[in-house]
Structures are given as C-alpha cells and as structure tokens.
Amino acid sequence: MDELVKSVADRVGISEDQAKKAVDIVVGFLKQRLPGSVSGQVDSLLAGGSAADAAKGLGSKLGL
C-alpha cells in the first residue's frame, strides 16, 4: 500500500498523508461494493502480495 500512496502523492503533487487518506477512502469504497471474496484479494494485493497471486485466488473462488 505504501507504494500506491507514494505513487498517488507524486503524481498528484500532494503530501503522502493526504494521499494515504485518499487511497484509504477509495479502497474502502471499492471493498464495500465488491463481493467478500474479491475484497479479500484487494487486501492481499495492498498488503504486498503479487497481482498474480491475487488473480489465482480470485480465479479459484470463481471456479476458474
């Protein structure tokens, strides 16, 4: 998540504290609207997991 926060701060030209608040709001918004199984994959990805691992986990939950 730190990488995402830094990227947002750099691209938008705001402080990392402001970027963290923005990222937290967007992630919370998405997680409220996604099924629980997908929401868990978002958490895993933001915790530093790889996108490939998140996709595998999602695929298995969808029966793919």
PDB file of N, CA and C in Angstrom:
ATOM      1  N   MET A   1       0.825  -1.188   0.000  1.00  0.00           N
ATOM      2  CA  MET A   1       0.000   0.000   0.000  1.00  0.00           C
ATOM      3  C   MET A   1       0.870   1.253   0.000  1.00  0.00           C
ATOM      4  N   ASP A   2       2.033   1.147   0.619  1.00  0.00           N
ATOM      5  CA  ASP A   2       2.928   2.307   0.664  1.00  0.00           C
ATOM      6  C   ASP A   2       3.343   2.749  -0.736  1.00  0.00           C
ATOM      7  N   GLU A   3       3.555   1.770  -1.615  1.00  0.00           N
ATOM      8  CA  GLU A   3       3.937   2.087  -2.991  1.00  0.00           C
ATOM      9  C   GLU A   3       2.822   2.856  -3.699  1.00  0.00           C
ATOM     10  N   LEU A   4       1.584   2.435  -3.481  1.00  0.00           N
ATOM     11  CA  LEU A   4       0.437   3.114  -4.081  1.00  0.00           C
ATOM     12  C   LEU A   4       0.304   4.531  -3.530  1.00  0.00           C
ATOM     13  N   VAL A   5       0.454   4.686  -2.232  1.00  0.00           N
ATOM     14  CA  VAL A   5       0.349   6.004  -1.597  1.00  0.00           C
ATOM     15  C   VAL A   5       1.412   6.938  -2.164  1.00  0.00           C
ATOM     16  N   LYS A   6       2.642   6.443  -2.261  1.00  0.00           N
ATOM     17  CA  LYS A   6       3.722   7.268  -2.799  1.00  0.00           C
ATOM     18  C   LYS A   6       3.449   7.649  -4.251  1.00  0.00           C
ATOM     19  N   SER A   7       2.957   6.704  -5.027  1.00  0.00           N
ATOM     20  CA  SER A   7       2.640   6.977  -6.425  1.00  0.00           C
ATOM     21  C   SER A   7       1.576   8.065  -6.549  1.00  0.00           C
ATOM     22  N   VAL A   8       0.530   7.962  -5.751  1.00  0.00           N
ATOM     23  CA  VAL A   8      -0.541   8.973  -5.776  1.00  0.00           C
ATOM     24  C   VAL A   8       0.024  10.331  -5.366  1.00  0.00           C
ATOM     25  N   ALA A   9       0.804  10.358  -4.303  1.00  0.00           N
ATOM     26  CA  ALA A   9       1.378  11.624  -3.828  1.00  0.00           C
ATOM     27  C   ALA A   9       2.242  12.274  -4.907  1.00  0.00           C
ATOM     28  N   ASP A  10       3.078  11.469  -5.552  1.00  0.00           N
ATOM     29  CA  ASP A  10       3.974  12.000  -6.590  1.00  0.00           C
ATOM     30  C   ASP A  10       3.205  12.488  -7.809  1.00  0.00           C
ATOM     31  N   ARG A  11       2.238  11.689  -8.258  1.00  0.00           N
ATOM     32  CA  ARG A  11       1.508  12.038  -9.485  1.00  0.00           C
ATOM     33  C   ARG A  11       0.597  13.235  -9.317  1.00  0.00           C
ATOM     34  N   VAL A  12       0.008  13.348  -8.138  1.00  0.00           N
ATOM     35  CA  VAL A  12      -0.972  14.419  -7.923  1.00  0.00           C
ATOM     36  C   VAL A  12      -0.326  15.659  -7.307  1.00  0.00           C
ATOM     37  N   GLY A  13       0.839  15.459  -6.693  1.00  0.00           N
ATOM     38  CA  GLY A  13       1.521  16.593  -6.079  1.00  0.00           C
ATOM     39  C   GLY A  13       0.973  16.960  -4.719  1.00  0.00           C
ATOM     40  N   ILE A  14       0.612  15.931  -3.935  1.00  0.00           N
ATOM     41  CA  ILE A  14       0.115  16.154  -2.579  1.00  0.00           C
ATOM     42  C   ILE A  14       1.027  15.421  -1.595  1.00  0.00           C
ATOM     43  N   SER A  15       0.843  15.693  -0.310  1.00  0.00           N
ATOM     44  CA  SER A  15       1.653  15.028   0.701  1.00  0.00           C
ATOM     45  C   SER A  15       1.274  13.553   0.800  1.00  0.00           C
ATOM     46  N   GLU A  16       2.181  12.761   1.325  1.00  0.00           N
ATOM     47  CA  GLU A  16       1.876  11.336   1.491  1.00  0.00           C
ATOM     48  C   GLU A  16       0.734  11.122   2.483  1.00  0.00           C
ATOM     49  N   ASP A  17       0.597  11.987   3.478  1.00  0.00           N
ATOM     50  CA  ASP A  17      -0.531  11.873   4.418  1.00  0.00           C
ATOM     51  C   ASP A  17      -1.861  12.084   3.690  1.00  0.00           C
ATOM     52  N   GLN A  18      -1.906  13.079   2.820  1.00  0.00           N
ATOM     53  CA  GLN A  18      -3.121  13.334   2.052  1.00  0.00           C
ATOM     54  C   GLN A  18      -3.399  12.180   1.091  1.00  0.00           C
ATOM     55  N   ALA A  19      -2.341  11.672   0.470  1.00  0.00           N
ATOM     56  CA  ALA A  19      -2.505  10.553  -0.462  1.00  0.00           C
ATOM     57  C   ALA A  19      -3.002   9.316   0.266  1.00  0.00           C
ATOM     58  N   LYS A  20      -2.499   9.057   1.471  1.00  0.00           N
ATOM     59  CA  LYS A  20      -2.938   7.887   2.246  1.00  0.00           C
ATOM     60  C   LYS A  20      -4.425   7.998   2.547  1.00  0.00           C
ATOM     61  N   LYS A  21      -4.876   9.172   2.933  1.00  0.00           N
ATOM     62  CA  LYS A  21      -6.308   9.369   3.197  1.00  0.00           C
ATOM     63  C   LYS A  21      -7.134   9.094   1.942  1.00  0.00           C
ATOM     64  N   ALA A  22      -6.666   9.599   0.806  1.00  0.00           N
ATOM     65  CA  ALA A  22      -7.392   9.394  -0.450  1.00  0.00           C
ATOM     66  C   ALA A  22      -7.436   7.916  -0.826  1.00  0.00           C
ATOM     67  N   VAL A  23      -6.304   7.238  -0.706  1.00  0.00           N
ATOM     68  CA  VAL A  23      -6.245   5.811  -1.033  1.00  0.00           C
ATOM     69  C   VAL A  23      -7.151   5.019  -0.099  1.00  0.00           C
ATOM     70  N   ASP A  24      -7.116   5.340   1.193  1.00  0.00           N
ATOM     71  CA  ASP A  24      -7.978   4.638   2.155  1.00  0.00           C
ATOM     72  C   ASP A  24      -9.456   4.809   1.797  1.00  0.00           C
ATOM     73  N   ILE A  25      -9.838   5.998   1.378  1.00  0.00           N
ATOM     74  CA  ILE A  25     -11.228   6.247   1.008  1.00  0.00           C
ATOM     75  C   ILE A  25     -11.614   5.433  -0.216  1.00  0.00           C
ATOM     76  N   VAL A  26     -10.759   5.434  -1.234  1.00  0.00           N
ATOM     77  CA  VAL A  26     -11.066   4.695  -2.467  1.00  0.00           C
ATOM     78  C   VAL A  26     -11.115   3.197  -2.203  1.00  0.00           C
ATOM     79  N   VAL A  27     -10.149   2.684  -1.449  1.00  0.00           N
ATOM     80  CA  VAL A  27     -10.121   1.247  -1.142  1.00  0.00           C
ATOM     81  C   VAL A  27     -11.369   0.865  -0.341  1.00  0.00           C
ATOM     82  N   GLY A  28     -11.736   1.673   0.636  1.00  0.00           N
ATOM     83  CA  GLY A  28     -12.946   1.405   1.414  1.00  0.00           C
ATOM     84  C   GLY A  28     -14.185   1.401   0.547  1.00  0.00           C
ATOM     85  N   PHE A  29     -14.272   2.348  -0.370  1.00  0.00           N
ATOM     86  CA  PHE A  29     -15.393   2.428  -1.296  1.00  0.00           C
ATOM     87  C   PHE A  29     -15.491   1.165  -2.145  1.00  0.00           C
ATOM     88  N   LEU A  30     -14.359   0.745  -2.716  1.00  0.00           N
ATOM     89  CA  LEU A  30     -14.350  -0.459  -3.549  1.00  0.00           C
ATOM     90  C   LEU A  30     -14.719  -1.704  -2.752  1.00  0.00           C
ATOM     91  N   LYS A  31     -14.149  -1.843  -1.565  1.00  0.00           N
ATOM     92  CA  LYS A  31     -14.394  -3.041  -0.759  1.00  0.00           C
ATOM     93  C   LYS A  31     -15.853  -3.148  -0.333  1.00  0.00           C
ATOM     94  N   GLN A  32     -16.525  -2.031  -0.143  1.00  0.00           N
ATOM     95  CA  GLN A  32     -17.944  -2.060   0.224  1.00  0.00           C
ATOM     96  C   GLN A  32     -18.799  -2.588  -0.921  1.00  0.00           C
ATOM     97  N   ARG A  33     -18.330  -2.401  -2.124  1.00  0.00           N
ATOM     98  CA  ARG A  33     -19.130  -2.756  -3.293  1.00  0.00           C
ATOM     99  C   ARG A  33     -18.724  -4.057  -3.963  1.00  0.00           C
ATOM    100  N   LEU A  34     -17.620  -4.625  -3.531  1.00  0.00           N
ATOM    101  CA  LEU A  34     -17.158  -5.893  -4.102  1.00  0.00           C
ATOM    102  C   LEU A  34     -17.611  -7.059  -3.230  1.00  0.00           C
ATOM    103  N   PRO A  35     -17.783  -8.227  -3.823  1.00  0.00           N
ATOM    104  CA  PRO A  35     -18.073  -9.414  -3.010  1.00  0.00           C
ATOM    105  C   PRO A  35     -16.922  -9.661  -2.026  1.00  0.00           C
ATOM    106  N   GLY A  36     -17.232 -10.283  -0.916  1.00  0.00           N
ATOM    107  CA  GLY A  36     -16.240 -10.527   0.124  1.00  0.00           C
ATOM    108  C   GLY A  36     -14.998 -11.238  -0.372  1.00  0.00           C
ATOM    109  N   SER A  37     -15.162 -12.210  -1.253  1.00  0.00           N
ATOM    110  CA  SER A  37     -14.006 -12.948  -1.751  1.00  0.00           C
ATOM    111  C   SER A  37     -13.073 -12.048  -2.557  1.00  0.00           C
ATOM    112  N   VAL A  38     -13.616 -11.132  -3.309  1.00  0.00           N
ATOM    113  CA  VAL A  38     -12.802 -10.210  -4.087  1.00  0.00           C
ATOM    114  C   VAL A  38     -12.179  -9.170  -3.166  1.00  0.00           C
ATOM    115  N   SER A  39     -12.934  -8.737  -2.189  1.00  0.00           N
ATOM    116  CA  SER A  39     -12.440  -7.765  -1.228  1.00  0.00           C
ATOM    117  C   SER A  39     -11.192  -8.290  -0.522  1.00  0.00           C
ATOM    118  N   GLY A  40     -11.194  -9.569  -0.193  1.00  0.00           N
ATOM    119  CA  GLY A  40     -10.023 -10.183   0.440  1.00  0.00           C
ATOM    120  C   GLY A  40      -8.813 -10.178  -0.476  1.00  0.00           C
ATOM    121  N   GLN A  41      -9.041 -10.338  -1.770  1.00  0.00           N
ATOM    122  CA  GLN A  41      -7.937 -10.297  -2.729  1.00  0.00           C
ATOM    123  C   GLN A  41      -7.362  -8.882  -2.827  1.00  0.00           C
ATOM    124  N   VAL A  42      -8.211  -7.879  -2.716  1.00  0.00           N
ATOM    125  CA  VAL A  42      -7.743  -6.491  -2.707  1.00  0.00           C
ATOM    126  C   VAL A  42      -6.848  -6.275  -1.496  1.00  0.00           C
ATOM    127  N   ASP A  43      -7.281  -6.764  -0.334  1.00  0.00           N
ATOM    128  CA  ASP A  43      -6.463  -6.649   0.879  1.00  0.00           C
ATOM    129  C   ASP A  43      -5.102  -7.317   0.690  1.00  0.00           C
ATOM    130  N   SER A  44      -5.108  -8.498   0.096  1.00  0.00           N
ATOM    131  CA  SER A  44      -3.866  -9.232  -0.126  1.00  0.00           C
ATOM    132  C   SER A  44      -2.933  -8.458  -1.044  1.00  0.00           C
ATOM    133  N   LEU A  45      -3.460  -7.922  -2.089  1.00  0.00           N
ATOM    134  CA  LEU A  45      -2.665  -7.165  -3.043  1.00  0.00           C
ATOM    135  C   LEU A  45      -2.077  -5.913  -2.389  1.00  0.00           C
ATOM    136  N   LEU A  46      -2.886  -5.217  -1.613  1.00  0.00           N
ATOM    137  CA  LEU A  46      -2.411  -3.999  -0.955  1.00  0.00           C
ATOM    138  C   LEU A  46      -1.418  -4.287   0.158  1.00  0.00           C
ATOM    139  N   ALA A  47      -1.460  -5.497   0.689  1.00  0.00           N
ATOM    140  CA  ALA A  47      -0.521  -5.876   1.744  1.00  0.00           C
ATOM    141  C   ALA A  47       0.830  -6.298   1.174  1.00  0.00           C
ATOM    142  N   GLY A  48       0.956  -6.227  -0.142  1.00  0.00           N
ATOM    143  CA  GLY A  48       2.242  -6.541  -0.746  1.00  0.00           C
ATOM    144  C   GLY A  48       2.260  -7.828  -1.525  1.00  0.00           C
ATOM    145  N   GLY A  49       1.116  -8.503  -1.613  1.00  0.00           N
ATOM    146  CA  GLY A  49       1.047  -9.722  -2.407  1.00  0.00           C
ATOM    147  C   GLY A  49       1.163  -9.381  -3.881  1.00  0.00           C
ATOM    148  N   SER A  50       1.482 -10.363  -4.673  1.00  0.00           N
ATOM    149  CA  SER A  50       1.620 -10.107  -6.104  1.00  0.00           C
ATOM    150  C   SER A  50       0.257 -10.126  -6.778  1.00  0.00           C
ATOM    151  N   ALA A  51       0.179  -9.436  -7.889  1.00  0.00           N
ATOM    152  CA  ALA A  51      -1.060  -9.425  -8.668  1.00  0.00           C
ATOM    153  C   ALA A  51      -1.379 -10.825  -9.175  1.00  0.00           C
ATOM    154  N   ALA A  52      -0.339 -11.591  -9.495  1.00  0.00           N
ATOM    155  CA  ALA A  52      -0.550 -12.958  -9.987  1.00  0.00           C
ATOM    156  C   ALA A  52      -1.190 -13.818  -8.901  1.00  0.00           C
ATOM    157  N   ASP A  53      -0.714 -13.686  -7.665  1.00  0.00           N
ATOM    158  CA  ASP A  53      -1.292 -14.453  -6.565  1.00  0.00           C
ATOM    159  C   ASP A  53      -2.742 -14.032  -6.316  1.00  0.00           C
ATOM    160  N   ALA A  54      -3.006 -12.738  -6.386  1.00  0.00           N
ATOM    161  CA  ALA A  54      -4.374 -12.244  -6.190  1.00  0.00           C
ATOM    162  C   ALA A  54      -5.283 -12.787  -7.291  1.00  0.00           C
ATOM    163  N   ALA A  55      -4.790 -12.819  -8.529  1.00  0.00           N
ATOM    164  CA  ALA A  55      -5.587 -13.337  -9.647  1.00  0.00           C
ATOM    165  C   ALA A  55      -5.850 -14.810  -9.491  1.00  0.00           C
ATOM    166  N   LYS A  56      -4.848 -15.574  -9.021  1.00  0.00           N
ATOM    167  CA  LYS A  56      -5.054 -17.011  -8.794  1.00  0.00           C
ATOM    168  C   LYS A  56      -6.117 -17.248  -7.746  1.00  0.00           C
ATOM    169  N   GLY A  57      -6.033 -16.483  -6.651  1.00  0.00           N
ATOM    170  CA  GLY A  57      -7.013 -16.626  -5.582  1.00  0.00           C
ATOM    171  C   GLY A  57      -8.408 -16.279  -6.051  1.00  0.00           C
ATOM    172  N   LEU A  58      -8.521 -15.227  -6.837  1.00  0.00           N
ATOM    173  CA  LEU A  58      -9.816 -14.839  -7.366  1.00  0.00           C
ATOM    174  C   LEU A  58     -10.334 -15.883  -8.332  1.00  0.00           C
ATOM    175  N   GLY A  59      -9.466 -16.392  -9.191  1.00  0.00           N
ATOM    176  CA  GLY A  59      -9.858 -17.413 -10.150  1.00  0.00           C
ATOM    177  C   GLY A  59     -10.384 -18.657  -9.472  1.00  0.00           C
ATOM    178  N   SER A  60      -9.738 -19.062  -8.388  1.00  0.00           N
ATOM    179  CA  SER A  60     -10.194 -20.262  -7.680  1.00  0.00           C
ATOM    180  C   SER A  60     -11.548 -20.019  -7.022  1.00  0.00           C
ATOM    181  N   LYS A  61     -11.796 -18.821  -6.545  1.00  0.00           N
ATOM    182  CA  LYS A  61     -13.086 -18.509  -5.930  1.00  0.00           C
ATOM    183  C   LYS A  61     -14.198 -18.451  -6.972  1.00  0.00           C
ATOM    184  N   LEU A  62     -13.838 -18.133  -8.209  1.00  0.00           N
ATOM    185  CA  LEU A  62     -14.820 -18.073  -9.287  1.00  0.00           C
ATOM    186  C   LEU A  62     -14.940 -19.395 -10.025  1.00  0.00           C
ATOM    187  N   GLY A  63     -14.156 -20.392  -9.603  1.00  0.00           N
ATOM    188  CA  GLY A  63     -14.217 -21.701 -10.233  1.00  0.00           C
ATOM    189  C   GLY A  63     -13.479 -21.778 -11.551  1.00  0.00           C
ATOM    190  N   LEU A  64     -12.490 -20.918 -11.743  1.00  0.00           N
ATOM    191  CA  LEU A  64     -11.723 -20.913 -12.994  1.00  0.00           C
ATOM    192  C   LEU A  64     -10.428 -21.673 -12.840  1.00  0.00           C
TER     193      LEU A  64
END
